[in-house]
């Protein structure tokens, strides 16, 4: 029988190795920890999130309506889109 913490051993080894490296070489400089242009990364992530929402949300709405509708309510996907709009 395996103990519940045995699955944590690989992660524990990685954490210990990282601590030893940090103790031996010192902490990483701030420039290495932070991206060069935080605002550019923030803008890119925001734009990607908005684009994903604008594309995926309408398709998810159509899929949900078709799955929860009564049989025969929609003739197909395009009919569902027309009735929603």
Protein backbone atom coordinates (compact mmCIF):
# COMPACT_ATOMS: atom_id res chain seq x y z
CA UNK A 1 0.00 0.00 0.00
CA UNK A 2 1.36 3.39 -0.97
CA UNK A 3 1.30 6.38 1.28
CA UNK A 4 -0.58 9.45 0.02
CA UNK A 5 2.57 11.56 -0.09
CA UNK A 6 4.50 9.23 -2.43
CA UNK A 7 3.13 11.03 -5.49
CA UNK A 8 4.66 14.23 -4.10
CA UNK A 9 8.22 12.85 -4.09
CA UNK A 10 9.19 14.00 -7.61
CA UNK A 11 7.86 17.49 -6.90
CA UNK A 12 9.58 17.54 -3.52
CA UNK A 13 12.89 16.60 -5.16
CA UNK A 14 12.48 19.42 -7.67
CA UNK A 15 11.76 21.94 -4.91
CA UNK A 16 14.75 20.80 -2.89
CA UNK A 17 17.01 21.00 -5.96
CA UNK A 18 15.77 24.52 -6.69
CA UNK A 19 16.44 25.56 -3.10
CA UNK A 20 19.95 24.14 -3.24
CA UNK A 21 20.68 25.95 -6.52
CA UNK A 22 19.33 29.19 -5.06
CA UNK A 23 21.44 28.74 -1.93
CA UNK A 24 24.55 28.01 -3.97
CA UNK A 25 24.23 30.72 -6.62
CA UNK A 26 22.00 33.28 -4.95
CA UNK A 27 18.55 34.40 -6.00
CA UNK A 28 17.86 35.15 -9.66
CA UNK A 29 18.08 38.82 -10.61
CA UNK A 30 14.79 40.66 -10.96
CA UNK A 31 15.30 41.15 -14.70
CA UNK A 32 15.35 37.38 -15.21
CA UNK A 33 12.20 36.87 -13.15
CA UNK A 34 10.10 39.59 -14.81
CA UNK A 35 9.45 39.90 -18.54
CA UNK A 36 11.13 42.81 -20.27
CA UNK A 37 7.88 44.58 -21.14
CA UNK A 38 5.14 43.72 -18.68
CA UNK A 39 2.62 46.08 -20.28
CA UNK A 40 3.08 44.51 -23.73
CA UNK A 41 2.48 41.06 -22.25
CA UNK A 42 -0.57 42.35 -20.37
CA UNK A 43 -2.00 43.91 -23.54
CA UNK A 44 -1.31 40.77 -25.59
CA UNK A 45 -2.96 38.54 -22.97
CA UNK A 46 -5.98 40.83 -22.74
CA UNK A 47 -6.37 40.92 -26.52
CA UNK A 48 -6.11 37.13 -26.70
CA UNK A 49 -8.71 36.72 -23.97
CA UNK A 50 -11.14 39.11 -25.65
CA UNK A 51 -10.67 37.45 -29.05
CA UNK A 52 -11.22 34.04 -27.51
CA UNK A 53 -14.39 35.20 -25.78
CA UNK A 54 -15.75 36.89 -28.91
CA UNK A 55 -15.22 33.73 -30.97
CA UNK A 56 -16.01 30.97 -28.48
CA UNK A 57 -18.95 32.42 -26.54
CA UNK A 58 -21.39 32.65 -29.48
CA UNK A 59 -20.50 29.12 -30.61
CA UNK A 60 -20.98 27.84 -27.08
CA UNK A 61 -24.36 29.58 -26.87
CA UNK A 62 -25.53 27.92 -30.10
CA UNK A 63 -24.25 24.52 -28.94
CA UNK A 64 -26.02 24.84 -25.57
CA UNK A 65 -29.29 25.98 -27.14
CA UNK A 66 -29.24 23.06 -29.58
CA UNK A 67 -28.47 20.54 -26.83
CA UNK A 68 -31.20 21.77 -24.49
CA UNK A 69 -33.89 22.42 -27.11
CA UNK A 70 -36.90 20.27 -27.77
CA UNK A 71 -36.55 17.93 -30.76
CA UNK A 72 -37.55 19.75 -33.95
CA UNK A 73 -37.21 23.27 -32.52
CA UNK A 74 -34.20 23.99 -34.76
CA UNK A 75 -33.72 22.67 -38.28
CA UNK A 76 -29.94 22.93 -37.90
CA UNK A 77 -27.12 25.11 -36.71
CA UNK A 78 -27.83 27.97 -39.11
CA UNK A 79 -31.51 27.95 -38.11
CA UNK A 80 -30.49 28.16 -34.45
CA UNK A 81 -28.19 31.10 -35.20
CA UNK A 82 -30.97 32.90 -37.13
CA UNK A 83 -33.46 32.41 -34.29
CA UNK A 84 -30.99 33.67 -31.69
CA UNK A 85 -30.07 36.77 -33.69
